[in-house]
Amino acid sequence: MTDGVLYERTLAHGPVVRIRRTSADGELPVVAVLEVDRRAGTPRAAAGGFPPPLARTEGGSDDDVCEVLEPMARDDATIARLMRERGLR
């Protein structure tokens, strides 16, 4: 995957859930965020930019940050709760 994307899946109603590394390659600690791109698959997606993060973590490797964020990214109820808590829904 590109742009530091470590994990990605499409929700049934269109948005994309993504774990994205925000630190540079080789930089420690590895910093990653969990985000939901509601523009995915629409003409607005070409505008670029990143959605606001739902969660953020740091770790020693890509695997370490995925271990923390991936359970949240795989659970629709958790994604909905995080979006609601941050006023994104």
PDB file of N, CA and C in Angstrom:
ATOM      1  N   MET A   1       0.849  -1.179   0.000  1.00  0.00           N
ATOM      2  CA  MET A   1       0.000   0.000   0.000  1.00  0.00           C
ATOM      3  C   MET A   1       0.889   1.235   0.000  1.00  0.00           C
ATOM      4  N   THR A   2       0.312   2.344  -0.347  1.00  0.00           N
ATOM      5  CA  THR A   2       1.093   3.573  -0.477  1.00  0.00           C
ATOM      6  C   THR A   2       0.721   4.578   0.591  1.00  0.00           C
ATOM      7  N   ASP A   3       1.448   5.661   0.623  1.00  0.00           N
ATOM      8  CA  ASP A   3       1.169   6.766   1.551  1.00  0.00           C
ATOM      9  C   ASP A   3       1.169   6.336   3.015  1.00  0.00           C
ATOM     10  N   GLY A   4       1.957   5.338   3.349  1.00  0.00           N
ATOM     11  CA  GLY A   4       2.058   4.906   4.733  1.00  0.00           C
ATOM     12  C   GLY A   4       0.878   4.094   5.216  1.00  0.00           C
ATOM     13  N   VAL A   5       0.023   3.634   4.324  1.00  0.00           N
ATOM     14  CA  VAL A   5      -1.152   2.858   4.723  1.00  0.00           C
ATOM     15  C   VAL A   5      -0.706   1.452   5.127  1.00  0.00           C
ATOM     16  N   LEU A   6      -1.030   1.087   6.363  1.00  0.00           N
ATOM     17  CA  LEU A   6      -0.650  -0.218   6.901  1.00  0.00           C
ATOM     18  C   LEU A   6      -1.803  -1.209   6.881  1.00  0.00           C
ATOM     19  N   TYR A   7      -3.024  -0.683   6.841  1.00  0.00           N
ATOM     20  CA  TYR A   7      -4.224  -1.528   6.853  1.00  0.00           C
ATOM     21  C   TYR A   7      -5.346  -0.704   6.242  1.00  0.00           C
ATOM     22  N   GLU A   8      -6.216  -1.378   5.493  1.00  0.00           N
ATOM     23  CA  GLU A   8      -7.341  -0.661   4.894  1.00  0.00           C
ATOM     24  C   GLU A   8      -8.474  -1.641   4.624  1.00  0.00           C
ATOM     25  N   ARG A   9      -9.684  -1.187   4.893  1.00  0.00           N
ATOM     26  CA  ARG A   9     -10.868  -1.975   4.535  1.00  0.00           C
ATOM     27  C   ARG A   9     -12.009  -1.014   4.233  1.00  0.00           C
ATOM     28  N   THR A  10     -12.912  -1.452   3.383  1.00  0.00           N
ATOM     29  CA  THR A  10     -14.053  -0.631   3.000  1.00  0.00           C
ATOM     30  C   THR A  10     -15.272  -1.051   3.804  1.00  0.00           C
ATOM     31  N   LEU A  11     -15.938  -0.069   4.391  1.00  0.00           N
ATOM     32  CA  LEU A  11     -17.178  -0.334   5.110  1.00  0.00           C
ATOM     33  C   LEU A  11     -18.299  -0.604   4.113  1.00  0.00           C
ATOM     34  N   ALA A  12     -19.349  -1.272   4.540  1.00  0.00           N
ATOM     35  CA  ALA A  12     -20.457  -1.645   3.663  1.00  0.00           C
ATOM     36  C   ALA A  12     -21.091  -0.425   2.982  1.00  0.00           C
ATOM     37  N   HIS A  13     -21.114   0.721   3.659  1.00  0.00           N
ATOM     38  CA  HIS A  13     -21.762   1.903   3.099  1.00  0.00           C
ATOM     39  C   HIS A  13     -20.780   2.845   2.399  1.00  0.00           C
ATOM     40  N   GLY A  14     -19.543   2.387   2.127  1.00  0.00           N
ATOM     41  CA  GLY A  14     -18.639   3.131   1.270  1.00  0.00           C
ATOM     42  C   GLY A  14     -17.365   3.703   1.860  1.00  0.00           C
ATOM     43  N   PRO A  15     -17.375   4.270   3.071  1.00  0.00           N
ATOM     44  CA  PRO A  15     -16.140   4.840   3.610  1.00  0.00           C
ATOM     45  C   PRO A  15     -15.055   3.780   3.803  1.00  0.00           C
ATOM     46  N   VAL A  16     -13.815   4.241   3.849  1.00  0.00           N
ATOM     47  CA  VAL A  16     -12.673   3.360   4.021  1.00  0.00           C
ATOM     48  C   VAL A  16     -12.063   3.582   5.403  1.00  0.00           C
ATOM     49  N   VAL A  17     -11.888   2.488   6.142  1.00  0.00           N
ATOM     50  CA  VAL A  17     -11.200   2.515   7.429  1.00  0.00           C
ATOM     51  C   VAL A  17      -9.731   2.238   7.128  1.00  0.00           C
ATOM     52  N   ARG A  18      -8.857   3.051   7.725  1.00  0.00           N
ATOM     53  CA  ARG A  18      -7.445   2.946   7.386  1.00  0.00           C
ATOM     54  C   ARG A  18      -6.567   3.140   8.621  1.00  0.00           C
ATOM     55  N   ILE A  19      -5.488   2.368   8.689  1.00  0.00           N
ATOM     56  CA  ILE A  19      -4.403   2.630   9.636  1.00  0.00           C
ATOM     57  C   ILE A  19      -3.273   3.175   8.783  1.00  0.00           C
ATOM     58  N   ARG A  20      -2.835   4.389   9.129  1.00  0.00           N
ATOM     59  CA  ARG A  20      -1.826   5.064   8.317  1.00  0.00           C
ATOM     60  C   ARG A  20      -0.658   5.503   9.195  1.00  0.00           C
ATOM     61  N   ARG A  21       0.544   5.149   8.762  1.00  0.00           N
ATOM     62  CA  ARG A  21       1.757   5.590   9.457  1.00  0.00           C
ATOM     63  C   ARG A  21       1.954   7.071   9.161  1.00  0.00           C
ATOM     64  N   THR A  22       2.134   7.874  10.208  1.00  0.00           N
ATOM     65  CA  THR A  22       2.351   9.307  10.024  1.00  0.00           C
ATOM     66  C   THR A  22       3.814   9.689  10.215  1.00  0.00           C
ATOM     67  N   SER A  23       4.609   8.791  10.760  1.00  0.00           N
ATOM     68  CA  SER A  23       6.042   9.035  10.891  1.00  0.00           C
ATOM     69  C   SER A  23       6.731   8.614   9.591  1.00  0.00           C
ATOM     70  N   ALA A  24       7.898   9.187   9.342  1.00  0.00           N
ATOM     71  CA  ALA A  24       8.652   8.862   8.132  1.00  0.00           C
ATOM     72  C   ALA A  24       9.187   7.430   8.198  1.00  0.00           C
ATOM     73  N   ASP A  25       9.411   6.834   7.031  1.00  0.00           N
ATOM     74  CA  ASP A  25      10.011   5.499   6.972  1.00  0.00           C
ATOM     75  C   ASP A  25      11.327   5.499   7.738  1.00  0.00           C
ATOM     76  N   GLY A  26      11.511   4.512   8.593  1.00  0.00           N
ATOM     77  CA  GLY A  26      12.739   4.369   9.355  1.00  0.00           C
ATOM     78  C   GLY A  26      12.813   5.220  10.614  1.00  0.00           C
ATOM     79  N   GLU A  27      11.870   6.124  10.807  1.00  0.00           N
ATOM     80  CA  GLU A  27      11.853   6.978  11.994  1.00  0.00           C
ATOM     81  C   GLU A  27      11.245   6.218  13.172  1.00  0.00           C
ATOM     82  N   LEU A  28      11.843   6.380  14.341  1.00  0.00           N
ATOM     83  CA  LEU A  28      11.324   5.758  15.557  1.00  0.00           C
ATOM     84  C   LEU A  28      10.997   6.827  16.578  1.00  0.00           C
ATOM     85  N   PRO A  29       9.956   6.708  17.327  1.00  0.00           N
ATOM     86  CA  PRO A  29       9.005   5.607  17.255  1.00  0.00           C
ATOM     87  C   PRO A  29       8.129   5.721  16.013  1.00  0.00           C
ATOM     88  N   VAL A  30       7.560   4.600  15.609  1.00  0.00           N
ATOM     89  CA  VAL A  30       6.581   4.594  14.525  1.00  0.00           C
ATOM     90  C   VAL A  30       5.288   5.167  15.094  1.00  0.00           C
ATOM     91  N   VAL A  31       4.745   6.159  14.413  1.00  0.00           N
ATOM     92  CA  VAL A  31       3.495   6.789  14.825  1.00  0.00           C
ATOM     93  C   VAL A  31       2.451   6.461  13.760  1.00  0.00           C
ATOM     94  N   ALA A  32       1.270   6.035  14.195  1.00  0.00           N
ATOM     95  CA  ALA A  32       0.202   5.699  13.252  1.00  0.00           C
ATOM     96  C   ALA A  32      -1.134   6.174  13.794  1.00  0.00           C
ATOM     97  N   VAL A  33      -2.065   6.396  12.860  1.00  0.00           N
ATOM     98  CA  VAL A  33      -3.409   6.834  13.229  1.00  0.00           C
ATOM     99  C   VAL A  33      -4.443   5.911  12.599  1.00  0.00           C
ATOM    100  N   LEU A  34      -5.585   5.857  13.238  1.00  0.00           N
ATOM    101  CA  LEU A  34      -6.762   5.173  12.715  1.00  0.00           C
ATOM    102  C   LEU A  34      -7.673   6.261  12.175  1.00  0.00           C
ATOM    103  N   GLU A  35      -8.112   6.120  10.926  1.00  0.00           N
ATOM    104  CA  GLU A  35      -8.960   7.145  10.322  1.00  0.00           C
ATOM    105  C   GLU A  35     -10.030   6.508   9.453  1.00  0.00           C
ATOM    106  N   VAL A  36     -11.094   7.263   9.210  1.00  0.00           N
ATOM    107  CA  VAL A  36     -12.155   6.834   8.311  1.00  0.00           C
ATOM    108  C   VAL A  36     -12.274   7.886   7.224  1.00  0.00           C
ATOM    109  N   ASP A  37     -12.023   7.471   5.992  1.00  0.00           N
ATOM    110  CA  ASP A  37     -12.102   8.376   4.846  1.00  0.00           C
ATOM    111  C   ASP A  37     -13.481   8.248   4.225  1.00  0.00           C
ATOM    112  N   ARG A  38     -14.339   9.194   4.549  1.00  0.00           N
ATOM    113  CA  ARG A  38     -15.713   9.162   4.027  1.00  0.00           C
ATOM    114  C   ARG A  38     -15.777   9.621   2.578  1.00  0.00           C
ATOM    115  N   ARG A  39     -14.688  10.198   2.061  1.00  0.00           N
ATOM    116  CA  ARG A  39     -14.655  10.658   0.665  1.00  0.00           C
ATOM    117  C   ARG A  39     -14.210   9.559  -0.289  1.00  0.00           C
ATOM    118  N   ALA A  40     -13.741   8.443   0.236  1.00  0.00           N
ATOM    119  CA  ALA A  40     -13.219   7.362  -0.607  1.00  0.00           C
ATOM    120  C   ALA A  40     -14.261   6.941  -1.641  1.00  0.00           C
ATOM    121  N   GLY A  41     -13.803   6.785  -2.865  1.00  0.00           N
ATOM    122  CA  GLY A  41     -14.691   6.350  -3.937  1.00  0.00           C
ATOM    123  C   GLY A  41     -15.564   7.448  -4.506  1.00  0.00           C
ATOM    124  N   THR A  42     -15.355   8.683  -4.087  1.00  0.00           N
ATOM    125  CA  THR A  42     -16.130   9.812  -4.612  1.00  0.00           C
ATOM    126  C   THR A  42     -15.191  10.755  -5.352  1.00  0.00           C
ATOM    127  N   PRO A  43     -15.714  11.645  -6.166  1.00  0.00           N
ATOM    128  CA  PRO A  43     -14.853  12.609  -6.848  1.00  0.00           C
ATOM    129  C   PRO A  43     -14.058  13.488  -5.875  1.00  0.00           C
ATOM    130  N   ARG A  44     -14.577  13.727  -4.685  1.00  0.00           N
ATOM    131  CA  ARG A  44     -13.879  14.561  -3.700  1.00  0.00           C
ATOM    132  C   ARG A  44     -12.608  13.901  -3.180  1.00  0.00           C
ATOM    133  N   ALA A  45     -12.469  12.594  -3.337  1.00  0.00           N
ATOM    134  CA  ALA A  45     -11.287  11.886  -2.843  1.00  0.00           C
ATOM    135  C   ALA A  45     -10.013  12.396  -3.512  1.00  0.00           C
ATOM    136  N   ALA A  46     -10.133  12.877  -4.745  1.00  0.00           N
ATOM    137  CA  ALA A  46      -8.967  13.369  -5.482  1.00  0.00           C
ATOM    138  C   ALA A  46      -8.427  14.676  -4.901  1.00  0.00           C
ATOM    139  N   ALA A  47      -9.190  15.329  -4.030  1.00  0.00           N
ATOM    140  CA  ALA A  47      -8.762  16.606  -3.459  1.00  0.00           C
ATOM    141  C   ALA A  47      -7.573  16.447  -2.523  1.00  0.00           C
ATOM    142  N   GLY A  48      -7.314  15.231  -2.058  1.00  0.00           N
ATOM    143  CA  GLY A  48      -6.184  14.985  -1.168  1.00  0.00           C
ATOM    144  C   GLY A  48      -6.512  15.311   0.276  1.00  0.00           C
ATOM    145  N   GLY A  49      -5.486  15.311   1.097  1.00  0.00           N
ATOM    146  CA  GLY A  49      -5.676  15.560   2.526  1.00  0.00           C
ATOM    147  C   GLY A  49      -6.000  14.284   3.266  1.00  0.00           C
ATOM    148  N   PHE A  50      -6.081  14.426   4.576  1.00  0.00           N
ATOM    149  CA  PHE A  50      -6.347  13.275   5.419  1.00  0.00           C
ATOM    150  C   PHE A  50      -7.489  13.588   6.371  1.00  0.00           C
ATOM    151  N   PRO A  51      -8.340  12.608   6.650  1.00  0.00           N
ATOM    152  CA  PRO A  51      -9.419  12.819   7.619  1.00  0.00           C
ATOM    153  C   PRO A  51      -8.859  12.931   9.035  1.00  0.00           C
ATOM    154  N   PRO A  52      -9.637  13.482   9.953  1.00  0.00           N
ATOM    155  CA  PRO A  52      -9.162  13.579  11.333  1.00  0.00           C
ATOM    156  C   PRO A  52      -8.985  12.179  11.934  1.00  0.00           C
ATOM    157  N   PRO A  53      -7.934  11.992  12.728  1.00  0.00           N
ATOM    158  CA  PRO A  53      -7.690  10.669  13.314  1.00  0.00           C
ATOM    159  C   PRO A  53      -8.700  10.338  14.404  1.00  0.00           C
ATOM    160  N   LEU A  54      -9.092   9.069  14.446  1.00  0.00           N
ATOM    161  CA  LEU A  54      -9.974   8.571  15.504  1.00  0.00           C
ATOM    162  C   LEU A  54      -9.152   8.068  16.685  1.00  0.00           C
ATOM    163  N   ALA A  55      -7.943   7.588  16.406  1.00  0.00           N
ATOM    164  CA  ALA A  55      -7.038   7.087  17.442  1.00  0.00           C
ATOM    165  C   ALA A  55      -5.617   7.230  16.920  1.00  0.00           C
ATOM    166  N   ARG A  56      -4.668   7.305  17.853  1.00  0.00           N
ATOM    167  CA  ARG A  56      -3.249   7.470  17.514  1.00  0.00           C
ATOM    168  C   ARG A  56      -2.431   6.603  18.467  1.00  0.00           C
ATOM    169  N   THR A  57      -1.366   6.004  17.944  1.00  0.00           N
ATOM    170  CA  THR A  57      -0.485   5.217  18.799  1.00  0.00           C
ATOM    171  C   THR A  57       0.950   5.307  18.297  1.00  0.00           C
ATOM    172  N   GLU A  58       1.871   4.934  19.175  1.00  0.00           N
ATOM    173  CA  GLU A  58       3.291   4.878  18.843  1.00  0.00           C
ATOM    174  C   GLU A  58       3.816   3.490  19.198  1.00  0.00           C
ATOM    175  N   GLY A  59       4.809   3.038  18.446  1.00  0.00           N
ATOM    176  CA  GLY A  59       5.400   1.743  18.733  1.00  0.00           C
ATOM    177  C   GLY A  59       6.755   1.608  18.079  1.00  0.00           C
ATOM    178  N   GLY A  60       7.373   0.465  18.266  1.00  0.00           N
ATOM    179  CA  GLY A  60       8.705   0.211  17.740  1.00  0.00           C
ATOM    180  C   GLY A  60       8.736  -0.215  16.288  1.00  0.00           C
ATOM    181  N   SER A  61       7.579  -0.605  15.747  1.00  0.00           N
ATOM    182  CA  SER A  61       7.525  -1.065  14.354  1.00  0.00           C
ATOM    183  C   SER A  61       6.102  -0.913  13.821  1.00  0.00           C
ATOM    184  N   ASP A  62       5.971  -1.101  12.503  1.00  0.00           N
ATOM    185  CA  ASP A  62       4.642  -1.081  11.887  1.00  0.00           C
ATOM    186  C   ASP A  62       3.749  -2.151  12.516  1.00  0.00           C
ATOM    187  N   ASP A  63       4.322  -3.324  12.767  1.00  0.00           N
ATOM    188  CA  ASP A  63       3.546  -4.414  13.372  1.00  0.00           C
ATOM    189  C   ASP A  63       3.038  -4.033  14.763  1.00  0.00           C
ATOM    190  N   ASP A  64       3.872  -3.340  15.525  1.00  0.00           N
ATOM    191  CA  ASP A  64       3.474  -2.930  16.881  1.00  0.00           C
ATOM    192  C   ASP A  64       2.269  -1.988  16.855  1.00  0.00           C
ATOM    193  N   VAL A  65       2.289  -1.003  15.961  1.00  0.00           N
ATOM    194  CA  VAL A  65       1.168  -0.053  15.919  1.00  0.00           C
ATOM    195  C   VAL A  65      -0.084  -0.724  15.361  1.00  0.00           C
ATOM    196  N   CYS A  66       0.100  -1.628  14.411  1.00  0.00           N
ATOM    197  CA  CYS A  66      -1.060  -2.360  13.879  1.00  0.00           C
ATOM    198  C   CYS A  66      -1.685  -3.259  14.941  1.00  0.00           C
ATOM    199  N   GLU A  67      -0.858  -3.827  15.794  1.00  0.00           N
ATOM    200  CA  GLU A  67      -1.362  -4.683  16.865  1.00  0.00           C
ATOM    201  C   GLU A  67      -2.313  -3.916  17.784  1.00  0.00           C
ATOM    202  N   VAL A  68      -2.051  -2.643  17.988  1.00  0.00           N
ATOM    203  CA  VAL A  68      -2.898  -1.806  18.836  1.00  0.00           C
ATOM    204  C   VAL A  68      -4.150  -1.337  18.091  1.00  0.00           C
ATOM    205  N   LEU A  69      -3.972  -0.869  16.853  1.00  0.00           N
ATOM    206  CA  LEU A  69      -5.073  -0.225  16.133  1.00  0.00           C
ATOM    207  C   LEU A  69      -5.960  -1.172  15.319  1.00  0.00           C
ATOM    208  N   GLU A  70      -5.410  -2.289  14.880  1.00  0.00           N
ATOM    209  CA  GLU A  70      -6.182  -3.167  13.997  1.00  0.00           C
ATOM    210  C   GLU A  70      -7.448  -3.739  14.635  1.00  0.00           C
ATOM    211  N   PRO A  71      -7.449  -4.148  15.903  1.00  0.00           N
ATOM    212  CA  PRO A  71      -8.712  -4.619  16.484  1.00  0.00           C
ATOM    213  C   PRO A  71      -9.821  -3.547  16.425  1.00  0.00           C
ATOM    214  N   MET A  72      -9.450  -2.292  16.620  1.00  0.00           N
ATOM    215  CA  MET A  72     -10.432  -1.210  16.513  1.00  0.00           C
ATOM    216  C   MET A  72     -10.886  -1.049  15.068  1.00  0.00           C
ATOM    217  N   ALA A  73      -9.947  -1.130  14.128  1.00  0.00           N
ATOM    218  CA  ALA A  73     -10.246  -0.934  12.716  1.00  0.00           C
ATOM    219  C   ALA A  73     -11.164  -2.031  12.161  1.00  0.00           C
ATOM    220  N   ARG A  74     -11.098  -3.221  12.729  1.00  0.00           N
ATOM    221  CA  ARG A  74     -11.905  -4.341  12.245  1.00  0.00           C
ATOM    222  C   ARG A  74     -13.322  -4.374  12.828  1.00  0.00           C
ATOM    223  N   ASP A  75     -13.581  -3.554  13.830  1.00  0.00           N
ATOM    224  CA  ASP A  75     -14.866  -3.607  14.536  1.00  0.00           C
ATOM    225  C   ASP A  75     -15.737  -2.400  14.172  1.00  0.00           C
ATOM    226  N   ASP A  76     -16.813  -2.650  13.440  1.00  0.00           N
ATOM    227  CA  ASP A  76     -17.703  -1.568  13.005  1.00  0.00           C
ATOM    228  C   ASP A  76     -18.280  -0.780  14.178  1.00  0.00           C
ATOM    229  N   ALA A  77     -18.632  -1.462  15.256  1.00  0.00           N
ATOM    230  CA  ALA A  77     -19.217  -0.771  16.412  1.00  0.00           C
ATOM    231  C   ALA A  77     -18.198   0.182  17.047  1.00  0.00           C
ATOM    232  N   THR A  78     -16.950  -0.232  17.119  1.00  0.00           N
ATOM    233  CA  THR A  78     -15.906   0.628  17.669  1.00  0.00           C
ATOM    234  C   THR A  78     -15.693   1.839  16.775  1.00  0.00           C
ATOM    235  N   ILE A  79     -15.676   1.640  15.468  1.00  0.00           N
ATOM    236  CA  ILE A  79     -15.516   2.758  14.532  1.00  0.00           C
ATOM    237  C   ILE A  79     -16.659   3.744  14.706  1.00  0.00           C
ATOM    238  N   ALA A  80     -17.892   3.245  14.769  1.00  0.00           N
ATOM    239  CA  ALA A  80     -19.053   4.125  14.944  1.00  0.00           C
ATOM    240  C   ALA A  80     -18.962   4.899  16.259  1.00  0.00           C
ATOM    241  N   ARG A  81     -18.542   4.226  17.332  1.00  0.00           N
ATOM    242  CA  ARG A  81     -18.415   4.900  18.639  1.00  0.00           C
ATOM    243  C   ARG A  81     -17.356   5.994  18.589  1.00  0.00           C
ATOM    244  N   LEU A  82     -16.207   5.685  18.021  1.00  0.00           N
ATOM    245  CA  LEU A  82     -15.129   6.673  17.934  1.00  0.00           C
ATOM    246  C   LEU A  82     -15.544   7.882  17.091  1.00  0.00           C
ATOM    247  N   MET A  83     -16.234   7.632  16.004  1.00  0.00           N
ATOM    248  CA  MET A  83     -16.707   8.741  15.165  1.00  0.00           C
ATOM    249  C   MET A  83     -17.705   9.609  15.921  1.00  0.00           C
ATOM    250  N   ARG A  84     -18.608   8.965  16.643  1.00  0.00           N
ATOM    251  CA  ARG A  84     -19.612   9.704  17.423  1.00  0.00           C
ATOM    252  C   ARG A  84     -18.943  10.526  18.515  1.00  0.00           C
ATOM    253  N   GLU A  85     -17.968   9.937  19.220  1.00  0.00           N
ATOM    254  CA  GLU A  85     -17.273  10.638  20.291  1.00  0.00           C
ATOM    255  C   GLU A  85     -16.523  11.871  19.795  1.00  0.00           C
ATOM    256  N   ARG A  86     -16.067  11.823  18.562  1.00  0.00           N
ATOM    257  CA  ARG A  86     -15.310  12.935  18.009  1.00  0.00           C
ATOM    258  C   ARG A  86     -16.175  13.874  17.172  1.00  0.00           C
ATOM    259  N   GLY A  87     -17.486  13.655  17.193  1.00  0.00           N
ATOM    260  CA  GLY A  87     -18.405  14.530  16.478  1.00  0.00           C
ATOM    261  C   GLY A  87     -18.313  14.419  14.962  1.00  0.00           C
ATOM    262  N   LEU A  88     -17.904  13.267  14.477  1.00  0.00           N
ATOM    263  CA  LEU A  88     -17.749  13.066  13.036  1.00  0.00           C
ATOM    264  C   LEU A  88     -18.921  12.330  12.421  1.00  0.00           C
ATOM    265  N   ARG A  89     -19.937  12.130  13.231  1.00  0.00           N
ATOM    266  CA  ARG A  89     -21.095  11.366  12.741  1.00  0.00           C
ATOM    267  C   ARG A  89     -22.364  11.953  13.246  1.00  0.00           C
TER     268      ARG A  89
END
